[in-house]
Amino acid sequence: MKEPVSRPPCKRCLTKEMPPDSFFQTMYQYIAELPPEVKTPQLQYEERLAQCKACDSLLNGMCRVCGCFVEMRAAAQKNHCPALHPKW
């Protein structure tokens, strides 16, 4: 019996049309592949995420202020917290 072939997620699909965990795998792959000069240093990244986790605007991994996935926003050094009073 052949094992099922794993396909990359569709690049032109909506997230609701993708296999259950494929979007998040793609998100984590994107974060991992950011160039070092763009990427937030790991300690600072973890601090940013801790501040997001403590924020009332976090809902299911998304920021209710701007609609981003906070793990993606925090991963790029140039980004900042979108709140009226930024936390980072």
C-alpha atoms as a PDB file:
ATOM      1  CA  MET A   1       0.000   0.000   0.000  1.00  0.00           C
ATOM      2  CA  LYS A   2       1.384   3.389  -1.012  1.00  0.00           C
ATOM      3  CA  GLU A   3       1.716   6.164   1.523  1.00  0.00           C
ATOM      4  CA  PRO A   4      -0.265   9.308   0.695  1.00  0.00           C
ATOM      5  CA  VAL A   5       1.740  11.955  -1.087  1.00  0.00           C
ATOM      6  CA  SER A   6       2.109  15.128   0.930  1.00  0.00           C
ATOM      7  CA  ARG A   7       1.416  18.211  -1.162  1.00  0.00           C
ATOM      8  CA  PRO A   8       2.283  21.777  -0.307  1.00  0.00           C
ATOM      9  CA  PRO A   9      -0.753  23.953   0.410  1.00  0.00           C
ATOM     10  CA  CYS A  10      -2.412  25.664  -2.491  1.00  0.00           C
ATOM     11  CA  LYS A  11      -0.935  29.139  -2.968  1.00  0.00           C
ATOM     12  CA  ARG A  12      -4.194  30.492  -4.386  1.00  0.00           C
ATOM     13  CA  CYS A  13      -6.601  28.957  -1.884  1.00  0.00           C
ATOM     14  CA  LEU A  14      -8.351  30.591   1.010  1.00  0.00           C
ATOM     15  CA  THR A  15      -7.334  29.251   4.417  1.00  0.00           C
ATOM     16  CA  LYS A  16     -10.727  27.572   4.797  1.00  0.00           C
ATOM     17  CA  GLU A  17      -9.957  25.541   1.654  1.00  0.00           C
ATOM     18  CA  MET A  18      -6.579  24.282   2.887  1.00  0.00           C
ATOM     19  CA  PRO A  19      -5.943  21.054   4.774  1.00  0.00           C
ATOM     20  CA  PRO A  20      -6.394  21.594   8.536  1.00  0.00           C
ATOM     21  CA  ASP A  21      -2.836  22.427   9.651  1.00  0.00           C
ATOM     22  CA  SER A  22      -1.209  23.396   6.367  1.00  0.00           C
ATOM     23  CA  PHE A  23      -1.657  27.158   6.783  1.00  0.00           C
ATOM     24  CA  PHE A  24       0.078  27.212  10.116  1.00  0.00           C
ATOM     25  CA  GLN A  25       2.883  25.029   8.762  1.00  0.00           C
ATOM     26  CA  THR A  26       3.316  27.550   5.954  1.00  0.00           C
ATOM     27  CA  MET A  27       3.341  30.409   8.476  1.00  0.00           C
ATOM     28  CA  TYR A  28       6.036  28.766  10.594  1.00  0.00           C
ATOM     29  CA  GLN A  29       8.053  27.956   7.469  1.00  0.00           C
ATOM     30  CA  TYR A  30       7.827  31.620   6.419  1.00  0.00           C
ATOM     31  CA  ILE A  31       9.071  32.726   9.853  1.00  0.00           C
ATOM     32  CA  ALA A  32      11.930  30.203   9.813  1.00  0.00           C
ATOM     33  CA  GLU A  33      13.049  31.338   6.358  1.00  0.00           C
ATOM     34  CA  LEU A  34      13.159  35.071   7.066  1.00  0.00           C
ATOM     35  CA  PRO A  35      16.622  36.464   6.266  1.00  0.00           C
ATOM     36  CA  PRO A  36      18.701  37.100   9.427  1.00  0.00           C
ATOM     37  CA  GLU A  37      18.870  40.844   8.723  1.00  0.00           C
ATOM     38  CA  VAL A  38      15.036  40.989   8.722  1.00  0.00           C
ATOM     39  CA  LYS A  39      14.290  38.567  11.534  1.00  0.00           C
ATOM     40  CA  THR A  40      13.738  39.622  15.133  1.00  0.00           C
ATOM     41  CA  PRO A  41      16.354  38.094  17.464  1.00  0.00           C
ATOM     42  CA  GLN A  42      14.881  35.036  19.226  1.00  0.00           C
ATOM     43  CA  LEU A  43      14.869  36.511  22.761  1.00  0.00           C
ATOM     44  CA  GLN A  44      13.172  39.699  21.565  1.00  0.00           C
ATOM     45  CA  TYR A  45      10.698  37.610  19.522  1.00  0.00           C
ATOM     46  CA  GLU A  46       9.733  35.622  22.626  1.00  0.00           C
ATOM     47  CA  GLU A  47       9.351  38.864  24.621  1.00  0.00           C
ATOM     48  CA  ARG A  48       7.077  40.305  21.922  1.00  0.00           C
ATOM     49  CA  LEU A  49       4.922  37.172  21.933  1.00  0.00           C
ATOM     50  CA  ALA A  50       4.693  37.247  25.736  1.00  0.00           C
ATOM     51  CA  GLN A  51       3.398  40.812  25.532  1.00  0.00           C
ATOM     52  CA  CYS A  52       0.890  39.777  22.871  1.00  0.00           C
ATOM     53  CA  LYS A  53      -0.307  36.866  25.029  1.00  0.00           C
ATOM     54  CA  ALA A  54      -0.955  39.288  27.894  1.00  0.00           C
ATOM     55  CA  CYS A  55      -2.908  41.672  25.631  1.00  0.00           C
ATOM     56  CA  ASP A  56      -6.722  41.755  25.617  1.00  0.00           C
ATOM     57  CA  SER A  57      -6.645  42.232  21.827  1.00  0.00           C
ATOM     58  CA  LEU A  58      -5.274  38.717  21.191  1.00  0.00           C
ATOM     59  CA  LEU A  59      -7.884  36.284  19.898  1.00  0.00           C
ATOM     60  CA  ASN A  60      -7.012  32.856  18.469  1.00  0.00           C
ATOM     61  CA  GLY A  61      -3.481  33.972  17.570  1.00  0.00           C
ATOM     62  CA  MET A  62      -4.712  37.091  15.792  1.00  0.00           C
ATOM     63  CA  CYS A  63      -4.494  40.726  16.802  1.00  0.00           C
ATOM     64  CA  ARG A  64      -7.952  42.269  16.922  1.00  0.00           C
ATOM     65  CA  VAL A  65      -6.445  45.731  16.348  1.00  0.00           C
ATOM     66  CA  CYS A  66      -5.017  44.993  12.889  1.00  0.00           C
ATOM     67  CA  GLY A  67      -6.052  41.410  12.057  1.00  0.00           C
ATOM     68  CA  CYS A  68      -2.525  40.021  11.731  1.00  0.00           C
ATOM     69  CA  PHE A  69      -1.224  36.741  13.084  1.00  0.00           C
ATOM     70  CA  VAL A  70       0.934  38.040  15.940  1.00  0.00           C
ATOM     71  CA  GLU A  71       3.632  35.397  15.440  1.00  0.00           C
ATOM     72  CA  MET A  72       4.214  36.667  11.901  1.00  0.00           C
ATOM     73  CA  ARG A  73       4.144  40.350  12.897  1.00  0.00           C
ATOM     74  CA  ALA A  74       6.556  39.814  15.790  1.00  0.00           C
ATOM     75  CA  ALA A  75       8.991  37.842  13.600  1.00  0.00           C
ATOM     76  CA  ALA A  76      10.119  40.836  11.520  1.00  0.00           C
ATOM     77  CA  GLN A  77      12.341  43.323  13.343  1.00  0.00           C
ATOM     78  CA  LYS A  78      10.842  46.377  11.560  1.00  0.00           C
ATOM     79  CA  ASN A  79       7.298  45.618  12.706  1.00  0.00           C
ATOM     80  CA  HIS A  80       5.715  47.061  15.814  1.00  0.00           C
ATOM     81  CA  CYS A  81       2.647  46.504  17.952  1.00  0.00           C
ATOM     82  CA  PRO A  82      -0.344  48.144  16.194  1.00  0.00           C
ATOM     83  CA  ALA A  83      -2.142  49.128  19.418  1.00  0.00           C
ATOM     84  CA  LEU A  84      -2.866  52.770  20.203  1.00  0.00           C
ATOM     85  CA  HIS A  85      -0.276  52.442  22.991  1.00  0.00           C
ATOM     86  CA  PRO A  86       2.199  49.952  21.469  1.00  0.00           C
ATOM     87  CA  LYS A  87       3.485  47.234  23.764  1.00  0.00           C
ATOM     88  CA  TRP A  88       6.627  46.655  21.659  1.00  0.00           C
END
